[in-house]
């Protein structure tokens, strides 16, 4: 369990760098006419913007839990950015398949 938490932390720290670029480029989603009225685009935008701070906050809380020997909580906290990434992937699919 200890090594799993450390490996997941390292993976999310690596993912942090591309997520910053994704957050910087996310306003470009509103370039298409009428896209600012789409709820799906807004959900995707909010998830893209929220990912870098969520990773940083989850890392801090996870390391605090890890230092207090609460490895189960650290693993659960690390699942939050993974959930956000899953929502981003699903929203990309929904926008691609169901938007004209």
PDB file of N, CA and C in Angstrom:
ATOM      1  N   UNK A   1       0.825  -1.192   0.000  1.00  0.00           N
ATOM      2  CA  UNK A   1       0.000   0.000   0.000  1.00  0.00           C
ATOM      3  C   UNK A   1       0.871   1.257   0.000  1.00  0.00           C
ATOM      4  N   UNK A   2       1.984   1.217   0.744  1.00  0.00           N
ATOM      5  CA  UNK A   2       2.861   2.382   0.809  1.00  0.00           C
ATOM      6  C   UNK A   2       3.427   2.727  -0.564  1.00  0.00           C
ATOM      7  N   UNK A   3       3.935   1.718  -1.243  1.00  0.00           N
ATOM      8  CA  UNK A   3       4.541   1.988  -2.549  1.00  0.00           C
ATOM      9  C   UNK A   3       3.496   2.404  -3.580  1.00  0.00           C
ATOM     10  N   UNK A   4       2.285   1.891  -3.448  1.00  0.00           N
ATOM     11  CA  UNK A   4       1.215   2.281  -4.368  1.00  0.00           C
ATOM     12  C   UNK A   4       0.923   3.771  -4.244  1.00  0.00           C
ATOM     13  N   UNK A   5       0.852   4.270  -3.038  1.00  0.00           N
ATOM     14  CA  UNK A   5       0.585   5.693  -2.811  1.00  0.00           C
ATOM     15  C   UNK A   5       1.714   6.540  -3.395  1.00  0.00           C
ATOM     16  N   UNK A   6       2.946   6.120  -3.190  1.00  0.00           N
ATOM     17  CA  UNK A   6       4.084   6.880  -3.710  1.00  0.00           C
ATOM     18  C   UNK A   6       4.088   6.876  -5.234  1.00  0.00           C
ATOM     19  N   UNK A   7       3.830   5.721  -5.837  1.00  0.00           N
ATOM     20  CA  UNK A   7       3.811   5.626  -7.303  1.00  0.00           C
ATOM     21  C   UNK A   7       2.704   6.502  -7.882  1.00  0.00           C
ATOM     22  N   UNK A   8       1.530   6.468  -7.280  1.00  0.00           N
ATOM     23  CA  UNK A   8       0.423   7.296  -7.768  1.00  0.00           C
ATOM     24  C   UNK A   8       0.754   8.780  -7.615  1.00  0.00           C
ATOM     25  N   UNK A   9       1.392   9.161  -6.512  1.00  0.00           N
ATOM     26  CA  UNK A   9       1.796  10.557  -6.332  1.00  0.00           C
ATOM     27  C   UNK A   9       2.767  10.997  -7.420  1.00  0.00           C
ATOM     28  N   UNK A  10       3.727  10.162  -7.729  1.00  0.00           N
ATOM     29  CA  UNK A  10       4.699  10.500  -8.773  1.00  0.00           C
ATOM     30  C   UNK A  10       4.009  10.617 -10.131  1.00  0.00           C
ATOM     31  N   UNK A  11       3.089   9.703 -10.421  1.00  0.00           N
ATOM     32  CA  UNK A  11       2.363   9.753 -11.697  1.00  0.00           C
ATOM     33  C   UNK A  11       1.580  11.058 -11.814  1.00  0.00           C
ATOM     34  N   UNK A  12       0.894  11.451 -10.747  1.00  0.00           N
ATOM     35  CA  UNK A  12       0.120  12.690 -10.810  1.00  0.00           C
ATOM     36  C   UNK A  12       1.010  13.924 -10.873  1.00  0.00           C
ATOM     37  N   UNK A  13       2.185  13.871 -10.273  1.00  0.00           N
ATOM     38  CA  UNK A  13       3.112  14.994 -10.414  1.00  0.00           C
ATOM     39  C   UNK A  13       3.599  15.115 -11.853  1.00  0.00           C
ATOM     40  N   UNK A  14       3.762  13.984 -12.529  1.00  0.00           N
ATOM     41  CA  UNK A  14       4.139  14.017 -13.946  1.00  0.00           C
ATOM     42  C   UNK A  14       2.975  14.541 -14.787  1.00  0.00           C
ATOM     43  N   UNK A  15       1.758  14.147 -14.452  1.00  0.00           N
ATOM     44  CA  UNK A  15       0.568  14.601 -15.186  1.00  0.00           C
ATOM     45  C   UNK A  15       0.310  16.093 -14.951  1.00  0.00           C
ATOM     46  N   UNK A  16       0.812  16.633 -13.859  1.00  0.00           N
ATOM     47  CA  UNK A  16       0.571  18.042 -13.531  1.00  0.00           C
ATOM     48  C   UNK A  16       1.063  18.980 -14.631  1.00  0.00           C
ATOM     49  N   UNK A  17       2.216  18.706 -15.205  1.00  0.00           N
ATOM     50  CA  UNK A  17       2.790  19.604 -16.217  1.00  0.00           C
ATOM     51  C   UNK A  17       1.899  19.693 -17.460  1.00  0.00           C
ATOM     52  N   UNK A  18       1.496  18.556 -18.077  1.00  0.00           N
ATOM     53  CA  UNK A  18       0.592  18.689 -19.231  1.00  0.00           C
ATOM     54  C   UNK A  18      -0.777  19.265 -18.862  1.00  0.00           C
ATOM     55  N   UNK A  19      -1.219  19.019 -17.629  1.00  0.00           N
ATOM     56  CA  UNK A  19      -2.527  19.567 -17.243  1.00  0.00           C
ATOM     57  C   UNK A  19      -2.482  21.092 -17.148  1.00  0.00           C
ATOM     58  N   UNK A  20      -1.325  21.645 -16.809  1.00  0.00           N
ATOM     59  CA  UNK A  20      -1.188  23.105 -16.805  1.00  0.00           C
ATOM     60  C   UNK A  20      -1.337  23.668 -18.215  1.00  0.00           C
ATOM     61  N   UNK A  21      -0.727  22.989 -19.198  1.00  0.00           N
ATOM     62  CA  UNK A  21      -0.874  23.432 -20.585  1.00  0.00           C
ATOM     63  C   UNK A  21      -2.319  23.273 -21.056  1.00  0.00           C
ATOM     64  N   UNK A  22      -2.964  22.187 -20.644  1.00  0.00           N
ATOM     65  CA  UNK A  22      -4.372  21.991 -20.992  1.00  0.00           C
ATOM     66  C   UNK A  22      -5.256  23.072 -20.403  1.00  0.00           C
ATOM     67  N   UNK A  23      -4.961  23.469 -19.170  1.00  0.00           N
ATOM     68  CA  UNK A  23      -5.741  24.532 -18.531  1.00  0.00           C
ATOM     69  C   UNK A  23      -5.516  25.872 -19.231  1.00  0.00           C
ATOM     70  N   UNK A  24      -4.274  26.111 -19.674  1.00  0.00           N
ATOM     71  CA  UNK A  24      -4.001  27.367 -20.376  1.00  0.00           C
ATOM     72  C   UNK A  24      -4.706  27.427 -21.728  1.00  0.00           C
ATOM     73  N   UNK A  25      -4.828  26.290 -22.385  1.00  0.00           N
ATOM     74  CA  UNK A  25      -5.437  26.257 -23.716  1.00  0.00           C
ATOM     75  C   UNK A  25      -6.950  26.030 -23.685  1.00  0.00           C
ATOM     76  N   UNK A  26      -7.509  25.740 -22.532  1.00  0.00           N
ATOM     77  CA  UNK A  26      -8.933  25.416 -22.456  1.00  0.00           C
ATOM     78  C   UNK A  26      -9.870  26.548 -22.893  1.00  0.00           C
ATOM     79  N   UNK A  27      -9.519  27.831 -22.760  1.00  0.00           N
ATOM     80  CA  UNK A  27     -10.431  28.858 -23.290  1.00  0.00           C
ATOM     81  C   UNK A  27     -10.630  28.772 -24.804  1.00  0.00           C
ATOM     82  N   UNK A  28      -9.726  28.094 -25.497  1.00  0.00           N
ATOM     83  CA  UNK A  28      -9.871  27.942 -26.948  1.00  0.00           C
ATOM     84  C   UNK A  28     -11.077  27.081 -27.314  1.00  0.00           C
ATOM     85  N   UNK A  29     -11.648  26.373 -26.343  1.00  0.00           N
ATOM     86  CA  UNK A  29     -12.839  25.564 -26.617  1.00  0.00           C
ATOM     87  C   UNK A  29     -14.025  26.434 -27.016  1.00  0.00           C
ATOM     88  N   UNK A  30     -13.968  27.693 -26.666  1.00  0.00           N
ATOM     89  CA  UNK A  30     -15.085  28.589 -26.940  1.00  0.00           C
ATOM     90  C   UNK A  30     -14.909  29.371 -28.243  1.00  0.00           C
ATOM     91  N   UNK A  31     -13.961  28.966 -29.094  1.00  0.00           N
ATOM     92  CA  UNK A  31     -13.740  29.650 -30.366  1.00  0.00           C
ATOM     93  C   UNK A  31     -14.860  29.413 -31.367  1.00  0.00           C
ATOM     94  N   UNK A  32     -15.451  28.238 -31.351  1.00  0.00           N
ATOM     95  CA  UNK A  32     -16.509  27.926 -32.318  1.00  0.00           C
ATOM     96  C   UNK A  32     -17.764  28.735 -31.989  1.00  0.00           C
ATOM     97  N   UNK A  33     -18.458  29.205 -33.019  1.00  0.00           N
ATOM     98  CA  UNK A  33     -19.686  29.975 -32.766  1.00  0.00           C
ATOM     99  C   UNK A  33     -20.732  29.139 -32.018  1.00  0.00           C
ATOM    100  N   UNK A  34     -21.282  29.700 -30.976  1.00  0.00           N
ATOM    101  CA  UNK A  34     -22.314  29.029 -30.200  1.00  0.00           C
ATOM    102  C   UNK A  34     -21.794  28.082 -29.138  1.00  0.00           C
ATOM    103  N   UNK A  35     -20.489  27.868 -29.087  1.00  0.00           N
ATOM    104  CA  UNK A  35     -19.955  26.920 -28.100  1.00  0.00           C
ATOM    105  C   UNK A  35     -20.060  27.454 -26.674  1.00  0.00           C
ATOM    106  N   UNK A  36     -20.145  28.768 -26.530  1.00  0.00           N
ATOM    107  CA  UNK A  36     -20.266  29.331 -25.176  1.00  0.00           C
ATOM    108  C   UNK A  36     -21.635  29.060 -24.570  1.00  0.00           C
ATOM    109  N   UNK A  37     -22.577  28.602 -25.381  1.00  0.00           N
ATOM    110  CA  UNK A  37     -23.919  28.280 -24.883  1.00  0.00           C
ATOM    111  C   UNK A  37     -24.067  26.804 -24.528  1.00  0.00           C
ATOM    112  N   UNK A  38     -23.058  26.009 -24.824  1.00  0.00           N
ATOM    113  CA  UNK A  38     -23.127  24.569 -24.590  1.00  0.00           C
ATOM    114  C   UNK A  38     -22.739  24.230 -23.151  1.00  0.00           C
ATOM    115  N   UNK A  39     -23.633  23.561 -22.438  1.00  0.00           N
ATOM    116  CA  UNK A  39     -23.334  23.136 -21.065  1.00  0.00           C
ATOM    117  C   UNK A  39     -22.202  22.121 -21.037  1.00  0.00           C
ATOM    118  N   UNK A  40     -22.144  21.263 -22.052  1.00  0.00           N
ATOM    119  CA  UNK A  40     -21.082  20.251 -22.110  1.00  0.00           C
ATOM    120  C   UNK A  40     -19.707  20.904 -22.208  1.00  0.00           C
ATOM    121  N   UNK A  41     -19.617  21.954 -23.003  1.00  0.00           N
ATOM    122  CA  UNK A  41     -18.340  22.654 -23.138  1.00  0.00           C
ATOM    123  C   UNK A  41     -17.957  23.329 -21.830  1.00  0.00           C
ATOM    124  N   UNK A  42     -18.924  23.882 -21.132  1.00  0.00           N
ATOM    125  CA  UNK A  42     -18.637  24.526 -19.849  1.00  0.00           C
ATOM    126  C   UNK A  42     -18.179  23.509 -18.798  1.00  0.00           C
ATOM    127  N   UNK A  43     -18.806  22.327 -18.788  1.00  0.00           N
ATOM    128  CA  UNK A  43     -18.386  21.285 -17.842  1.00  0.00           C
ATOM    129  C   UNK A  43     -16.954  20.867 -18.135  1.00  0.00           C
ATOM    130  N   UNK A  44     -16.647  20.654 -19.418  1.00  0.00           N
ATOM    131  CA  UNK A  44     -15.287  20.281 -19.802  1.00  0.00           C
ATOM    132  C   UNK A  44     -14.302  21.384 -19.437  1.00  0.00           C
ATOM    133  N   UNK A  45     -14.667  22.627 -19.693  1.00  0.00           N
ATOM    134  CA  UNK A  45     -13.806  23.761 -19.364  1.00  0.00           C
ATOM    135  C   UNK A  45     -13.514  23.812 -17.862  1.00  0.00           C
ATOM    136  N   UNK A  46     -14.545  23.667 -17.050  1.00  0.00           N
ATOM    137  CA  UNK A  46     -14.363  23.713 -15.590  1.00  0.00           C
ATOM    138  C   UNK A  46     -13.487  22.568 -15.098  1.00  0.00           C
ATOM    139  N   UNK A  47     -13.663  21.395 -15.677  1.00  0.00           N
ATOM    140  CA  UNK A  47     -12.828  20.255 -15.285  1.00  0.00           C
ATOM    141  C   UNK A  47     -11.374  20.467 -15.685  1.00  0.00           C
ATOM    142  N   UNK A  48     -11.155  21.052 -16.864  1.00  0.00           N
ATOM    143  CA  UNK A  48      -9.782  21.307 -17.321  1.00  0.00           C
ATOM    144  C   UNK A  48      -9.099  22.357 -16.441  1.00  0.00           C
ATOM    145  N   UNK A  49      -9.842  23.380 -16.056  1.00  0.00           N
ATOM    146  CA  UNK A  49      -9.283  24.431 -15.202  1.00  0.00           C
ATOM    147  C   UNK A  49      -9.038  23.901 -13.785  1.00  0.00           C
ATOM    148  N   UNK A  50      -9.907  23.026 -13.305  1.00  0.00           N
ATOM    149  CA  UNK A  50      -9.812  22.533 -11.928  1.00  0.00           C
ATOM    150  C   UNK A  50      -8.741  21.465 -11.743  1.00  0.00           C
ATOM    151  N   UNK A  51      -8.297  20.831 -12.821  1.00  0.00           N
ATOM    152  CA  UNK A  51      -7.371  19.702 -12.668  1.00  0.00           C
ATOM    153  C   UNK A  51      -6.035  20.078 -12.022  1.00  0.00           C
ATOM    154  N   UNK A  52      -5.304  21.108 -12.477  1.00  0.00           N
ATOM    155  CA  UNK A  52      -4.018  21.407 -11.820  1.00  0.00           C
ATOM    156  C   UNK A  52      -4.136  21.734 -10.327  1.00  0.00           C
ATOM    157  N   UNK A  53      -5.078  22.616  -9.905  1.00  0.00           N
ATOM    158  CA  UNK A  53      -5.181  22.845  -8.461  1.00  0.00           C
ATOM    159  C   UNK A  53      -5.618  21.600  -7.695  1.00  0.00           C
ATOM    160  N   UNK A  54      -6.471  20.790  -8.318  1.00  0.00           N
ATOM    161  CA  UNK A  54      -6.916  19.561  -7.662  1.00  0.00           C
ATOM    162  C   UNK A  54      -5.750  18.603  -7.452  1.00  0.00           C
ATOM    163  N   UNK A  55      -4.876  18.490  -8.438  1.00  0.00           N
ATOM    164  CA  UNK A  55      -3.702  17.624  -8.288  1.00  0.00           C
ATOM    165  C   UNK A  55      -2.814  18.140  -7.162  1.00  0.00           C
ATOM    166  N   UNK A  56      -2.566  19.440  -7.129  1.00  0.00           N
ATOM    167  CA  UNK A  56      -1.693  20.010  -6.094  1.00  0.00           C
ATOM    168  C   UNK A  56      -2.297  19.821  -4.706  1.00  0.00           C
ATOM    169  N   UNK A  57      -3.572  20.125  -4.548  1.00  0.00           N
ATOM    170  CA  UNK A  57      -4.230  19.974  -3.245  1.00  0.00           C
ATOM    171  C   UNK A  57      -4.269  18.509  -2.824  1.00  0.00           C
ATOM    172  N   UNK A  58      -4.572  17.622  -3.770  1.00  0.00           N
ATOM    173  CA  UNK A  58      -4.611  16.192  -3.451  1.00  0.00           C
ATOM    174  C   UNK A  58      -3.230  15.684  -3.055  1.00  0.00           C
ATOM    175  N   UNK A  59      -2.185  16.198  -3.703  1.00  0.00           N
ATOM    176  CA  UNK A  59      -0.827  15.788  -3.348  1.00  0.00           C
ATOM    177  C   UNK A  59      -0.485  16.210  -1.920  1.00  0.00           C
ATOM    178  N   UNK A  60      -0.835  17.425  -1.573  1.00  0.00           N
ATOM    179  CA  UNK A  60      -0.531  17.922  -0.227  1.00  0.00           C
ATOM    180  C   UNK A  60      -1.277  17.108   0.826  1.00  0.00           C
ATOM    181  N   UNK A  61      -2.577  16.929   0.632  1.00  0.00           N
ATOM    182  CA  UNK A  61      -3.373  16.176   1.612  1.00  0.00           C
ATOM    183  C   UNK A  61      -2.927  14.717   1.664  1.00  0.00           C
ATOM    184  N   UNK A  62      -2.597  14.168   0.507  1.00  0.00           N
ATOM    185  CA  UNK A  62      -2.152  12.776   0.458  1.00  0.00           C
ATOM    186  C   UNK A  62      -0.834  12.581   1.213  1.00  0.00           C
ATOM    187  N   UNK A  63       0.096  13.518   1.039  1.00  0.00           N
ATOM    188  CA  UNK A  63       1.365  13.384   1.754  1.00  0.00           C
ATOM    189  C   UNK A  63       1.188  13.569   3.257  1.00  0.00           C
ATOM    190  N   UNK A  64       0.269  14.435   3.658  1.00  0.00           N
ATOM    191  CA  UNK A  64      -0.014  14.582   5.093  1.00  0.00           C
ATOM    192  C   UNK A  64      -0.576  13.275   5.642  1.00  0.00           C
ATOM    193  N   UNK A  65      -1.519  12.684   4.915  1.00  0.00           N
ATOM    194  CA  UNK A  65      -2.089  11.399   5.352  1.00  0.00           C
ATOM    195  C   UNK A  65      -1.032  10.302   5.338  1.00  0.00           C
ATOM    196  N   UNK A  66      -0.154  10.335   4.365  1.00  0.00           N
ATOM    197  CA  UNK A  66       0.915   9.328   4.270  1.00  0.00           C
ATOM    198  C   UNK A  66       1.870   9.444   5.453  1.00  0.00           C
ATOM    199  N   UNK A  67       2.233  10.658   5.816  1.00  0.00           N
ATOM    200  CA  UNK A  67       3.147  10.868   6.948  1.00  0.00           C
ATOM    201  C   UNK A  67       2.509  10.446   8.275  1.00  0.00           C
ATOM    202  N   UNK A  68       1.182  10.513   8.338  1.00  0.00           N
ATOM    203  CA  UNK A  68       0.472  10.087   9.552  1.00  0.00           C
ATOM    204  C   UNK A  68       0.130   8.600   9.513  1.00  0.00           C
ATOM    205  N   UNK A  69       0.727   7.877   8.565  1.00  0.00           N
ATOM    206  CA  UNK A  69       0.538   6.423   8.419  1.00  0.00           C
ATOM    207  C   UNK A  69      -0.899   6.043   8.070  1.00  0.00           C
ATOM    208  N   UNK A  70      -1.656   6.958   7.481  1.00  0.00           N
ATOM    209  CA  UNK A  70      -3.018   6.668   7.049  1.00  0.00           C
ATOM    210  C   UNK A  70      -2.994   6.460   5.531  1.00  0.00           C
ATOM    211  N   UNK A  71      -2.476   5.309   5.119  1.00  0.00           N
ATOM    212  CA  UNK A  71      -2.251   5.033   3.703  1.00  0.00           C
ATOM    213  C   UNK A  71      -3.558   4.847   2.934  1.00  0.00           C
ATOM    214  N   UNK A  72      -4.577   4.352   3.605  1.00  0.00           N
ATOM    215  CA  UNK A  72      -5.869   4.165   2.939  1.00  0.00           C
ATOM    216  C   UNK A  72      -6.472   5.515   2.548  1.00  0.00           C
ATOM    217  N   UNK A  73      -6.421   6.483   3.457  1.00  0.00           N
ATOM    218  CA  UNK A  73      -6.922   7.823   3.156  1.00  0.00           C
ATOM    219  C   UNK A  73      -6.091   8.470   2.051  1.00  0.00           C
ATOM    220  N   UNK A  74      -4.790   8.286   2.091  1.00  0.00           N
ATOM    221  CA  UNK A  74      -3.922   8.855   1.056  1.00  0.00           C
ATOM    222  C   UNK A  74      -4.277   8.302  -0.315  1.00  0.00           C
ATOM    223  N   UNK A  75      -4.589   7.030  -0.383  1.00  0.00           N
ATOM    224  CA  UNK A  75      -4.978   6.414  -1.649  1.00  0.00           C
ATOM    225  C   UNK A  75      -6.321   6.952  -2.135  1.00  0.00           C
ATOM    226  N   UNK A  76      -7.256   7.142  -1.210  1.00  0.00           N
ATOM    227  CA  UNK A  76      -8.571   7.684  -1.592  1.00  0.00           C
ATOM    228  C   UNK A  76      -8.468   9.134  -2.059  1.00  0.00           C
ATOM    229  N   UNK A  77      -7.638   9.913  -1.414  1.00  0.00           N
ATOM    230  CA  UNK A  77      -7.443  11.307  -1.824  1.00  0.00           C
ATOM    231  C   UNK A  77      -6.820  11.360  -3.216  1.00  0.00           C
ATOM    232  N   UNK A  78      -5.919  10.426  -3.499  1.00  0.00           N
ATOM    233  CA  UNK A  78      -5.296  10.384  -4.818  1.00  0.00           C
ATOM    234  C   UNK A  78      -6.270   9.982  -5.909  1.00  0.00           C
ATOM    235  N   UNK A  79      -7.410   9.442  -5.554  1.00  0.00           N
ATOM    236  CA  UNK A  79      -8.406   9.057  -6.560  1.00  0.00           C
ATOM    237  C   UNK A  79      -9.164  10.269  -7.099  1.00  0.00           C
ATOM    238  N   UNK A  80      -9.144  11.384  -6.398  1.00  0.00           N
ATOM    239  CA  UNK A  80      -9.883  12.570  -6.849  1.00  0.00           C
ATOM    240  C   UNK A  80      -9.391  13.111  -8.196  1.00  0.00           C
ATOM    241  N   UNK A  81      -8.084  13.305  -8.392  1.00  0.00           N
ATOM    242  CA  UNK A  81      -7.658  13.747  -9.725  1.00  0.00           C
ATOM    243  C   UNK A  81      -7.950  12.707 -10.807  1.00  0.00           C
ATOM    244  N   UNK A  82      -7.899  11.436 -10.455  1.00  0.00           N
ATOM    245  CA  UNK A  82      -8.224  10.390 -11.436  1.00  0.00           C
ATOM    246  C   UNK A  82      -9.687  10.487 -11.850  1.00  0.00           C
ATOM    247  N   UNK A  83     -10.552  10.807 -10.915  1.00  0.00           N
ATOM    248  CA  UNK A  83     -11.968  10.996 -11.229  1.00  0.00           C
ATOM    249  C   UNK A  83     -12.159  12.195 -12.156  1.00  0.00           C
ATOM    250  N   UNK A  84     -11.440  13.268 -11.896  1.00  0.00           N
ATOM    251  CA  UNK A  84     -11.511  14.448 -12.751  1.00  0.00           C
ATOM    252  C   UNK A  84     -11.013  14.126 -14.162  1.00  0.00           C
ATOM    253  N   UNK A  85      -9.939  13.374 -14.277  1.00  0.00           N
ATOM    254  CA  UNK A  85      -9.421  12.976 -15.591  1.00  0.00           C
ATOM    255  C   UNK A  85     -10.440  12.106 -16.312  1.00  0.00           C
ATOM    256  N   UNK A  86     -11.105  11.221 -15.581  1.00  0.00           N
ATOM    257  CA  UNK A  86     -12.142  10.381 -16.187  1.00  0.00           C
ATOM    258  C   UNK A  86     -13.299  11.238 -16.715  1.00  0.00           C
ATOM    259  N   UNK A  87     -13.705  12.242 -15.957  1.00  0.00           N
ATOM    260  CA  UNK A  87     -14.774  13.141 -16.409  1.00  0.00           C
ATOM    261  C   UNK A  87     -14.338  13.889 -17.669  1.00  0.00           C
ATOM    262  N   UNK A  88     -13.088  14.329 -17.721  1.00  0.00           N
ATOM    263  CA  UNK A  88     -12.579  15.024 -18.909  1.00  0.00           C
ATOM    264  C   UNK A  88     -12.636  14.114 -20.127  1.00  0.00           C
ATOM    265  N   UNK A  89     -12.213  12.870 -19.974  1.00  0.00           N
ATOM    266  CA  UNK A  89     -12.236  11.922 -21.091  1.00  0.00           C
ATOM    267  C   UNK A  89     -13.664  11.674 -21.555  1.00  0.00           C
ATOM    268  N   UNK A  90     -14.574  11.466 -20.611  1.00  0.00           N
ATOM    269  CA  UNK A  90     -15.980  11.227 -20.966  1.00  0.00           C
ATOM    270  C   UNK A  90     -16.575  12.449 -21.660  1.00  0.00           C
ATOM    271  N   UNK A  91     -16.263  13.639 -21.181  1.00  0.00           N
ATOM    272  CA  UNK A  91     -16.814  14.847 -21.800  1.00  0.00           C
ATOM    273  C   UNK A  91     -16.259  15.056 -23.204  1.00  0.00           C
ATOM    274  N   UNK A  92     -14.970  14.754 -23.420  1.00  0.00           N
ATOM    275  CA  UNK A  92     -14.430  14.825 -24.778  1.00  0.00           C
ATOM    276  C   UNK A  92     -15.185  13.879 -25.697  1.00  0.00           C
ATOM    277  N   UNK A  93     -15.463  12.667 -25.211  1.00  0.00           N
ATOM    278  CA  UNK A  93     -16.203  11.692 -26.014  1.00  0.00           C
ATOM    279  C   UNK A  93     -17.621  12.183 -26.298  1.00  0.00           C
ATOM    280  N   UNK A  94     -18.303  12.688 -25.282  1.00  0.00           N
ATOM    281  CA  UNK A  94     -19.683  13.155 -25.458  1.00  0.00           C
ATOM    282  C   UNK A  94     -19.733  14.327 -26.436  1.00  0.00           C
ATOM    283  N   UNK A  95     -18.824  15.264 -26.288  1.00  0.00           N
ATOM    284  CA  UNK A  95     -18.814  16.414 -27.196  1.00  0.00           C
ATOM    285  C   UNK A  95     -18.502  15.970 -28.618  1.00  0.00           C
ATOM    286  N   UNK A  96     -17.582  15.028 -28.761  1.00  0.00           N
ATOM    287  CA  UNK A  96     -17.216  14.551 -30.096  1.00  0.00           C
ATOM    288  C   UNK A  96     -18.356  13.789 -30.762  1.00  0.00           C
ATOM    289  N   UNK A  97     -19.054  12.962 -30.015  1.00  0.00           N
ATOM    290  CA  UNK A  97     -20.070  12.093 -30.597  1.00  0.00           C
ATOM    291  C   UNK A  97     -21.440  12.749 -30.729  1.00  0.00           C
ATOM    292  N   UNK A  98     -21.808  13.605 -29.807  1.00  0.00           N
ATOM    293  CA  UNK A  98     -23.182  14.082 -29.747  1.00  0.00           C
ATOM    294  C   UNK A  98     -23.361  15.568 -30.027  1.00  0.00           C
ATOM    295  N   UNK A  99     -22.328  16.231 -30.498  1.00  0.00           N
ATOM    296  CA  UNK A  99     -22.439  17.642 -30.823  1.00  0.00           C
ATOM    297  C   UNK A  99     -22.247  17.814 -32.321  1.00  0.00           C
ATOM    298  N   UNK A 100     -23.110  18.630 -32.902  1.00  0.00           N
ATOM    299  CA  UNK A 100     -23.025  18.860 -34.353  1.00  0.00           C
ATOM    300  C   UNK A 100     -21.855  19.736 -34.704  1.00  0.00           C
TER     301      UNK A 100
END
